[in-house]
Amino acid sequence: MSKGVMTCLPPHDGHPGVEIIWAADCREAFNQGVKLAQTWLDNARSGWLWAVMIAERDLLPCAIERRAFEVGFLSRVHQRICSPRC
């Protein structure tokens, strides 16, 4: 039985990172979600958060990758919201 594949969200904005283990290799989708969230946060929050996430998420081919993308995206936003600086 596979032990899974770990993705890693690094610490950011003074908030700790997290490690998540997936049943399949979802690192690329997870990292895409993190990167898109950071882009949204850096660009004066252009567009609706949910619309930005859904439009990119739906381009992924399978459910587990879409889930990993969502988790990466929302985890990065969570770090910003829970930042001691904000």
PDB file of N, CA and C in Angstrom:
ATOM      1  N   MET A   1       0.841  -1.179   0.000  1.00  0.00           N
ATOM      2  CA  MET A   1       0.000   0.000   0.000  1.00  0.00           C
ATOM      3  C   MET A   1       0.886   1.243   0.000  1.00  0.00           C
ATOM      4  N   SER A   2       0.538   2.205  -0.802  1.00  0.00           N
ATOM      5  CA  SER A   2       1.296   3.437  -0.907  1.00  0.00           C
ATOM      6  C   SER A   2       1.119   4.280   0.350  1.00  0.00           C
ATOM      7  N   LYS A   3       2.184   4.957   0.707  1.00  0.00           N
ATOM      8  CA  LYS A   3       2.118   5.839   1.873  1.00  0.00           C
ATOM      9  C   LYS A   3       1.616   7.223   1.506  1.00  0.00           C
ATOM     10  N   GLY A   4       1.408   7.487   0.228  1.00  0.00           N
ATOM     11  CA  GLY A   4       0.910   8.776  -0.200  1.00  0.00           C
ATOM     12  C   GLY A   4       2.032   9.718  -0.593  1.00  0.00           C
ATOM     13  N   VAL A   5       1.626  10.863  -1.098  1.00  0.00           N
ATOM     14  CA  VAL A   5       2.572  11.876  -1.561  1.00  0.00           C
ATOM     15  C   VAL A   5       2.322  13.157  -0.775  1.00  0.00           C
ATOM     16  N   MET A   6       3.382  13.691  -0.204  1.00  0.00           N
ATOM     17  CA  MET A   6       3.242  14.861   0.655  1.00  0.00           C
ATOM     18  C   MET A   6       3.363  16.150  -0.156  1.00  0.00           C
ATOM     19  N   THR A   7       2.466  17.079   0.143  1.00  0.00           N
ATOM     20  CA  THR A   7       2.602  18.441  -0.359  1.00  0.00           C
ATOM     21  C   THR A   7       2.920  19.320   0.839  1.00  0.00           C
ATOM     22  N   CYS A   8       3.594  20.397   0.572  1.00  0.00           N
ATOM     23  CA  CYS A   8       4.054  21.261   1.653  1.00  0.00           C
ATOM     24  C   CYS A   8       3.701  22.709   1.357  1.00  0.00           C
ATOM     25  N   LEU A   9       2.973  23.330   2.243  1.00  0.00           N
ATOM     26  CA  LEU A   9       2.685  24.758   2.170  1.00  0.00           C
ATOM     27  C   LEU A   9       3.659  25.443   3.114  1.00  0.00           C
ATOM     28  N   PRO A  10       4.585  26.247   2.565  1.00  0.00           N
ATOM     29  CA  PRO A  10       5.559  26.891   3.448  1.00  0.00           C
ATOM     30  C   PRO A  10       4.921  27.965   4.322  1.00  0.00           C
ATOM     31  N   PRO A  11       5.559  28.297   5.438  1.00  0.00           N
ATOM     32  CA  PRO A  11       5.058  29.396   6.264  1.00  0.00           C
ATOM     33  C   PRO A  11       5.020  30.685   5.440  1.00  0.00           C
ATOM     34  N   HIS A  12       4.073  31.546   5.756  1.00  0.00           N
ATOM     35  CA  HIS A  12       3.963  32.818   5.032  1.00  0.00           C
ATOM     36  C   HIS A  12       3.177  33.798   5.883  1.00  0.00           C
ATOM     37  N   ASP A  13       3.485  35.071   5.756  1.00  0.00           N
ATOM     38  CA  ASP A  13       2.788  36.130   6.484  1.00  0.00           C
ATOM     39  C   ASP A  13       2.764  35.895   7.990  1.00  0.00           C
ATOM     40  N   GLY A  14       3.808  35.247   8.510  1.00  0.00           N
ATOM     41  CA  GLY A  14       3.870  35.000   9.938  1.00  0.00           C
ATOM     42  C   GLY A  14       2.989  33.854  10.406  1.00  0.00           C
ATOM     43  N   HIS A  15       2.418  33.113   9.471  1.00  0.00           N
ATOM     44  CA  HIS A  15       1.550  31.993   9.815  1.00  0.00           C
ATOM     45  C   HIS A  15       2.273  30.705   9.442  1.00  0.00           C
ATOM     46  N   PRO A  16       2.171  29.668  10.264  1.00  0.00           N
ATOM     47  CA  PRO A  16       2.917  28.437   9.980  1.00  0.00           C
ATOM     48  C   PRO A  16       2.461  27.751   8.697  1.00  0.00           C
ATOM     49  N   GLY A  17       3.344  26.946   8.174  1.00  0.00           N
ATOM     50  CA  GLY A  17       3.025  26.124   7.013  1.00  0.00           C
ATOM     51  C   GLY A  17       2.313  24.859   7.438  1.00  0.00           C
ATOM     52  N   VAL A  18       2.079  23.992   6.458  1.00  0.00           N
ATOM     53  CA  VAL A  18       1.394  22.732   6.735  1.00  0.00           C
ATOM     54  C   VAL A  18       1.847  21.690   5.726  1.00  0.00           C
ATOM     55  N   GLU A  19       1.847  20.440   6.142  1.00  0.00           N
ATOM     56  CA  GLU A  19       2.135  19.325   5.251  1.00  0.00           C
ATOM     57  C   GLU A  19       0.860  18.504   5.099  1.00  0.00           C
ATOM     58  N   ILE A  20       0.542  18.155   3.862  1.00  0.00           N
ATOM     59  CA  ILE A  20      -0.671  17.382   3.579  1.00  0.00           C
ATOM     60  C   ILE A  20      -0.285  16.182   2.727  1.00  0.00           C
ATOM     61  N   ILE A  21      -0.788  15.014   3.078  1.00  0.00           N
ATOM     62  CA  ILE A  21      -0.488  13.799   2.328  1.00  0.00           C
ATOM     63  C   ILE A  21      -1.705  13.430   1.479  1.00  0.00           C
ATOM     64  N   TRP A  22      -1.441  13.198   0.191  1.00  0.00           N
ATOM     65  CA  TRP A  22      -2.477  12.836  -0.779  1.00  0.00           C
ATOM     66  C   TRP A  22      -2.280  11.397  -1.226  1.00  0.00           C
ATOM     67  N   ALA A  23      -3.345  10.761  -1.665  1.00  0.00           N
ATOM     68  CA  ALA A  23      -3.285   9.388  -2.161  1.00  0.00           C
ATOM     69  C   ALA A  23      -2.582   9.320  -3.515  1.00  0.00           C
ATOM     70  N   ALA A  24      -2.535  10.421  -4.233  1.00  0.00           N
ATOM     71  CA  ALA A  24      -1.872  10.494  -5.535  1.00  0.00           C
ATOM     72  C   ALA A  24      -0.969  11.719  -5.540  1.00  0.00           C
ATOM     73  N   ASP A  25      -0.126  11.811  -6.557  1.00  0.00           N
ATOM     74  CA  ASP A  25       0.785  12.957  -6.641  1.00  0.00           C
ATOM     75  C   ASP A  25       0.022  14.189  -7.103  1.00  0.00           C
ATOM     76  N   CYS A  26      -0.323  15.044  -6.152  1.00  0.00           N
ATOM     77  CA  CYS A  26      -1.092  16.261  -6.416  1.00  0.00           C
ATOM     78  C   CYS A  26      -0.269  17.509  -6.168  1.00  0.00           C
ATOM     79  N   ARG A  27       1.039  17.345  -6.094  1.00  0.00           N
ATOM     80  CA  ARG A  27       1.889  18.487  -5.767  1.00  0.00           C
ATOM     81  C   ARG A  27       1.729  19.636  -6.758  1.00  0.00           C
ATOM     82  N   GLU A  28       1.689  19.326  -8.039  1.00  0.00           N
ATOM     83  CA  GLU A  28       1.586  20.394  -9.036  1.00  0.00           C
ATOM     84  C   GLU A  28       0.275  21.168  -8.895  1.00  0.00           C
ATOM     85  N   ALA A  29      -0.836  20.450  -8.748  1.00  0.00           N
ATOM     86  CA  ALA A  29      -2.140  21.109  -8.596  1.00  0.00           C
ATOM     87  C   ALA A  29      -2.182  21.931  -7.309  1.00  0.00           C
ATOM     88  N   PHE A  30      -1.673  21.379  -6.221  1.00  0.00           N
ATOM     89  CA  PHE A  30      -1.623  22.087  -4.946  1.00  0.00           C
ATOM     90  C   PHE A  30      -0.819  23.383  -5.090  1.00  0.00           C
ATOM     91  N   ASN A  31       0.369  23.265  -5.690  1.00  0.00           N
ATOM     92  CA  ASN A  31       1.228  24.433  -5.865  1.00  0.00           C
ATOM     93  C   ASN A  31       0.610  25.470  -6.797  1.00  0.00           C
ATOM     94  N   GLN A  32      -0.131  25.023  -7.806  1.00  0.00           N
ATOM     95  CA  GLN A  32      -0.843  25.955  -8.689  1.00  0.00           C
ATOM     96  C   GLN A  32      -1.868  26.756  -7.893  1.00  0.00           C
ATOM     97  N   GLY A  33      -2.573  26.082  -6.993  1.00  0.00           N
ATOM     98  CA  GLY A  33      -3.558  26.759  -6.155  1.00  0.00           C
ATOM     99  C   GLY A  33      -2.917  27.794  -5.254  1.00  0.00           C
ATOM    100  N   VAL A  34      -1.787  27.432  -4.640  1.00  0.00           N
ATOM    101  CA  VAL A  34      -1.070  28.369  -3.770  1.00  0.00           C
ATOM    102  C   VAL A  34      -0.617  29.582  -4.580  1.00  0.00           C
ATOM    103  N   LYS A  35      -0.044  29.325  -5.748  1.00  0.00           N
ATOM    104  CA  LYS A  35       0.476  30.414  -6.585  1.00  0.00           C
ATOM    105  C   LYS A  35      -0.644  31.346  -7.054  1.00  0.00           C
ATOM    106  N   LEU A  36      -1.774  30.778  -7.465  1.00  0.00           N
ATOM    107  CA  LEU A  36      -2.884  31.611  -7.919  1.00  0.00           C
ATOM    108  C   LEU A  36      -3.422  32.469  -6.774  1.00  0.00           C
ATOM    109  N   ALA A  37      -3.536  31.896  -5.582  1.00  0.00           N
ATOM    110  CA  ALA A  37      -4.005  32.670  -4.429  1.00  0.00           C
ATOM    111  C   ALA A  37      -3.041  33.815  -4.133  1.00  0.00           C
ATOM    112  N   GLN A  38      -1.741  33.534  -4.206  1.00  0.00           N
ATOM    113  CA  GLN A  38      -0.761  34.585  -3.942  1.00  0.00           C
ATOM    114  C   GLN A  38      -0.867  35.684  -4.990  1.00  0.00           C
ATOM    115  N   THR A  39      -1.078  35.307  -6.237  1.00  0.00           N
ATOM    116  CA  THR A  39      -1.255  36.298  -7.298  1.00  0.00           C
ATOM    117  C   THR A  39      -2.476  37.158  -7.016  1.00  0.00           C
ATOM    118  N   TRP A  40      -3.566  36.530  -6.607  1.00  0.00           N
ATOM    119  CA  TRP A  40      -4.789  37.268  -6.283  1.00  0.00           C
ATOM    120  C   TRP A  40      -4.536  38.224  -5.119  1.00  0.00           C
ATOM    121  N   LEU A  41      -3.852  37.757  -4.101  1.00  0.00           N
ATOM    122  CA  LEU A  41      -3.563  38.592  -2.936  1.00  0.00           C
ATOM    123  C   LEU A  41      -2.630  39.762  -3.287  1.00  0.00           C
ATOM    124  N   ASP A  42      -1.683  39.525  -4.169  1.00  0.00           N
ATOM    125  CA  ASP A  42      -0.712  40.555  -4.541  1.00  0.00           C
ATOM    126  C   ASP A  42      -1.257  41.595  -5.508  1.00  0.00           C
ATOM    127  N   ASN A  43      -2.327  41.263  -6.215  1.00  0.00           N
ATOM    128  CA  ASN A  43      -2.860  42.161  -7.237  1.00  0.00           C
ATOM    129  C   ASN A  43      -4.112  42.885  -6.769  1.00  0.00           C
ATOM    130  N   ALA A  44      -4.059  43.408  -5.576  1.00  0.00           N
ATOM    131  CA  ALA A  44      -5.166  44.196  -5.014  1.00  0.00           C
ATOM    132  C   ALA A  44      -6.499  43.473  -5.156  1.00  0.00           C
ATOM    133  N   ARG A  45      -6.436  42.150  -5.022  1.00  0.00           N
ATOM    134  CA  ARG A  45      -7.647  41.330  -5.018  1.00  0.00           C
ATOM    135  C   ARG A  45      -8.536  41.613  -6.226  1.00  0.00           C
ATOM    136  N   SER A  46      -7.932  41.519  -7.402  1.00  0.00           N
ATOM    137  CA  SER A  46      -8.674  41.776  -8.639  1.00  0.00           C
ATOM    138  C   SER A  46      -9.635  40.634  -8.928  1.00  0.00           C
ATOM    139  N   GLY A  47     -10.888  40.940  -9.087  1.00  0.00           N
ATOM    140  CA  GLY A  47     -11.904  39.924  -9.362  1.00  0.00           C
ATOM    141  C   GLY A  47     -12.397  39.261  -8.089  1.00  0.00           C
ATOM    142  N   TRP A  48     -13.450  38.509  -8.238  1.00  0.00           N
ATOM    143  CA  TRP A  48     -14.028  37.772  -7.117  1.00  0.00           C
ATOM    144  C   TRP A  48     -13.166  36.569  -6.784  1.00  0.00           C
ATOM    145  N   LEU A  49     -12.874  36.394  -5.518  1.00  0.00           N
ATOM    146  CA  LEU A  49     -12.048  35.278  -5.061  1.00  0.00           C
ATOM    147  C   LEU A  49     -12.598  33.949  -5.559  1.00  0.00           C
ATOM    148  N   TRP A  50     -13.867  33.706  -5.365  1.00  0.00           N
ATOM    149  CA  TRP A  50     -14.460  32.422  -5.746  1.00  0.00           C
ATOM    150  C   TRP A  50     -14.398  32.206  -7.256  1.00  0.00           C
ATOM    151  N   ALA A  51     -14.588  33.266  -8.042  1.00  0.00           N
ATOM    152  CA  ALA A  51     -14.573  33.132  -9.495  1.00  0.00           C
ATOM    153  C   ALA A  51     -13.175  32.800 -10.000  1.00  0.00           C
ATOM    154  N   VAL A  52     -12.172  33.439  -9.416  1.00  0.00           N
ATOM    155  CA  VAL A  52     -10.786  33.177  -9.792  1.00  0.00           C
ATOM    156  C   VAL A  52     -10.446  31.719  -9.490  1.00  0.00           C
ATOM    157  N   MET A  53     -10.802  31.250  -8.308  1.00  0.00           N
ATOM    158  CA  MET A  53     -10.492  29.879  -7.915  1.00  0.00           C
ATOM    159  C   MET A  53     -11.207  28.866  -8.796  1.00  0.00           C
ATOM    160  N   ILE A  54     -12.499  29.032  -9.000  1.00  0.00           N
ATOM    161  CA  ILE A  54     -13.285  28.059  -9.756  1.00  0.00           C
ATOM    162  C   ILE A  54     -12.844  27.994 -11.213  1.00  0.00           C
ATOM    163  N   ALA A  55     -12.574  29.128 -11.827  1.00  0.00           N
ATOM    164  CA  ALA A  55     -12.185  29.144 -13.240  1.00  0.00           C
ATOM    165  C   ALA A  55     -10.917  28.328 -13.478  1.00  0.00           C
ATOM    166  N   GLU A  56      -9.946  28.456 -12.595  1.00  0.00           N
ATOM    167  CA  GLU A  56      -8.695  27.705 -12.760  1.00  0.00           C
ATOM    168  C   GLU A  56      -8.839  26.258 -12.300  1.00  0.00           C
ATOM    169  N   ARG A  57      -9.546  26.043 -11.229  1.00  0.00           N
ATOM    170  CA  ARG A  57      -9.726  24.687 -10.700  1.00  0.00           C
ATOM    171  C   ARG A  57     -10.379  23.778 -11.714  1.00  0.00           C
ATOM    172  N   ASP A  58     -11.366  24.293 -12.420  1.00  0.00           N
ATOM    173  CA  ASP A  58     -12.122  23.457 -13.351  1.00  0.00           C
ATOM    174  C   ASP A  58     -11.326  23.034 -14.577  1.00  0.00           C
ATOM    175  N   LEU A  59     -10.138  23.580 -14.755  1.00  0.00           N
ATOM    176  CA  LEU A  59      -9.278  23.171 -15.868  1.00  0.00           C
ATOM    177  C   LEU A  59      -8.523  21.878 -15.558  1.00  0.00           C
ATOM    178  N   LEU A  60      -8.503  21.481 -14.302  1.00  0.00           N
ATOM    179  CA  LEU A  60      -7.773  20.271 -13.905  1.00  0.00           C
ATOM    180  C   LEU A  60      -8.574  19.015 -14.262  1.00  0.00           C
ATOM    181  N   PRO A  61      -7.881  17.941 -14.653  1.00  0.00           N
ATOM    182  CA  PRO A  61      -8.562  16.776 -15.217  1.00  0.00           C
ATOM    183  C   PRO A  61      -9.291  15.843 -14.240  1.00  0.00           C
ATOM    184  N   CYS A  62      -8.847  15.770 -12.992  1.00  0.00           N
ATOM    185  CA  CYS A  62      -9.501  14.796 -12.105  1.00  0.00           C
ATOM    186  C   CYS A  62      -9.824  15.411 -10.743  1.00  0.00           C
ATOM    187  N   ALA A  63     -10.735  14.749 -10.058  1.00  0.00           N
ATOM    188  CA  ALA A  63     -11.284  15.275  -8.803  1.00  0.00           C
ATOM    189  C   ALA A  63     -10.214  15.487  -7.733  1.00  0.00           C
ATOM    190  N   ILE A  64      -9.278  14.558  -7.577  1.00  0.00           N
ATOM    191  CA  ILE A  64      -8.288  14.707  -6.512  1.00  0.00           C
ATOM    192  C   ILE A  64      -7.368  15.901  -6.787  1.00  0.00           C
ATOM    193  N   GLU A  65      -7.076  16.164  -8.059  1.00  0.00           N
ATOM    194  CA  GLU A  65      -6.257  17.335  -8.389  1.00  0.00           C
ATOM    195  C   GLU A  65      -7.037  18.624  -8.148  1.00  0.00           C
ATOM    196  N   ARG A  66      -8.315  18.614  -8.471  1.00  0.00           N
ATOM    197  CA  ARG A  66      -9.145  19.797  -8.199  1.00  0.00           C
ATOM    198  C   ARG A  66      -9.213  20.061  -6.703  1.00  0.00           C
ATOM    199  N   ARG A  67      -9.344  19.007  -5.912  1.00  0.00           N
ATOM    200  CA  ARG A  67      -9.375  19.159  -4.459  1.00  0.00           C
ATOM    201  C   ARG A  67      -8.044  19.703  -3.940  1.00  0.00           C
ATOM    202  N   ALA A  68      -6.932  19.175  -4.446  1.00  0.00           N
ATOM    203  CA  ALA A  68      -5.615  19.653  -4.020  1.00  0.00           C
ATOM    204  C   ALA A  68      -5.435  21.124  -4.375  1.00  0.00           C
ATOM    205  N   PHE A  69      -5.897  21.517  -5.553  1.00  0.00           N
ATOM    206  CA  PHE A  69      -5.836  22.917  -5.974  1.00  0.00           C
ATOM    207  C   PHE A  69      -6.610  23.792  -4.990  1.00  0.00           C
ATOM    208  N   GLU A  70      -7.835  23.373  -4.657  1.00  0.00           N
ATOM    209  CA  GLU A  70      -8.664  24.130  -3.714  1.00  0.00           C
ATOM    210  C   GLU A  70      -7.971  24.266  -2.361  1.00  0.00           C
ATOM    211  N   VAL A  71      -7.420  23.165  -1.877  1.00  0.00           N
ATOM    212  CA  VAL A  71      -6.767  23.181  -0.569  1.00  0.00           C
ATOM    213  C   VAL A  71      -5.554  24.107  -0.591  1.00  0.00           C
ATOM    214  N   GLY A  72      -4.757  24.045  -1.642  1.00  0.00           N
ATOM    215  CA  GLY A  72      -3.611  24.936  -1.760  1.00  0.00           C
ATOM    216  C   GLY A  72      -4.038  26.390  -1.814  1.00  0.00           C
ATOM    217  N   PHE A  73      -5.039  26.686  -2.635  1.00  0.00           N
ATOM    218  CA  PHE A  73      -5.536  28.045  -2.799  1.00  0.00           C
ATOM    219  C   PHE A  73      -6.072  28.583  -1.474  1.00  0.00           C
ATOM    220  N   LEU A  74      -6.964  27.848  -0.861  1.00  0.00           N
ATOM    221  CA  LEU A  74      -7.595  28.319   0.370  1.00  0.00           C
ATOM    222  C   LEU A  74      -6.629  28.341   1.553  1.00  0.00           C
ATOM    223  N   SER A  75      -5.654  27.451   1.551  1.00  0.00           N
ATOM    224  CA  SER A  75      -4.650  27.459   2.627  1.00  0.00           C
ATOM    225  C   SER A  75      -3.815  28.730   2.576  1.00  0.00           C
ATOM    226  N   ARG A  76      -3.459  29.159   1.358  1.00  0.00           N
ATOM    227  CA  ARG A  76      -2.674  30.386   1.227  1.00  0.00           C
ATOM    228  C   ARG A  76      -3.493  31.601   1.649  1.00  0.00           C
ATOM    229  N   VAL A  77      -4.766  31.642   1.267  1.00  0.00           N
ATOM    230  CA  VAL A  77      -5.641  32.738   1.686  1.00  0.00           C
ATOM    231  C   VAL A  77      -5.802  32.707   3.209  1.00  0.00           C
ATOM    232  N   HIS A  78      -5.950  31.514   3.772  1.00  0.00           N
ATOM    233  CA  HIS A  78      -6.070  31.351   5.223  1.00  0.00           C
ATOM    234  C   HIS A  78      -4.848  31.927   5.934  1.00  0.00           C
ATOM    235  N   GLN A  79      -3.658  31.641   5.400  1.00  0.00           N
ATOM    236  CA  GLN A  79      -2.453  32.184   6.021  1.00  0.00           C
ATOM    237  C   GLN A  79      -2.517  33.716   6.087  1.00  0.00           C
ATOM    238  N   ARG A  80      -2.992  34.333   5.023  1.00  0.00           N
ATOM    239  CA  ARG A  80      -3.059  35.794   5.007  1.00  0.00           C
ATOM    240  C   ARG A  80      -4.110  36.299   5.998  1.00  0.00           C
ATOM    241  N   ILE A  81      -5.268  35.671   6.002  1.00  0.00           N
ATOM    242  CA  ILE A  81      -6.344  36.116   6.891  1.00  0.00           C
ATOM    243  C   ILE A  81      -5.931  35.962   8.358  1.00  0.00           C
ATOM    244  N   CYS A  82      -5.230  34.886   8.666  1.00  0.00           N
ATOM    245  CA  CYS A  82      -4.845  34.618  10.045  1.00  0.00           C
ATOM    246  C   CYS A  82      -3.481  35.187  10.418  1.00  0.00           C
ATOM    247  N   SER A  83      -2.913  35.979   9.521  1.00  0.00           N
ATOM    248  CA  SER A  83      -1.599  36.571   9.764  1.00  0.00           C
ATOM    249  C   SER A  83      -1.676  37.509  10.955  1.00  0.00           C
ATOM    250  N   PRO A  84      -0.665  37.468  11.809  1.00  0.00           N
ATOM    251  CA  PRO A  84      -0.609  38.421  12.920  1.00  0.00           C
ATOM    252  C   PRO A  84      -0.513  39.867  12.432  1.00  0.00           C
ATOM    253  N   ARG A  85      -0.073  40.069  11.190  1.00  0.00           N
ATOM    254  CA  ARG A  85       0.077  41.414  10.644  1.00  0.00           C
ATOM    255  C   ARG A  85      -1.246  41.995  10.190  1.00  0.00           C
ATOM    256  N   CYS A  86      -2.250  41.163   9.939  1.00  0.00           N
ATOM    257  CA  CYS A  86      -3.527  41.661   9.381  1.00  0.00           C
ATOM    258  C   CYS A  86      -4.598  41.762  10.457  1.00  0.00           C
TER     259      CYS A  86
END
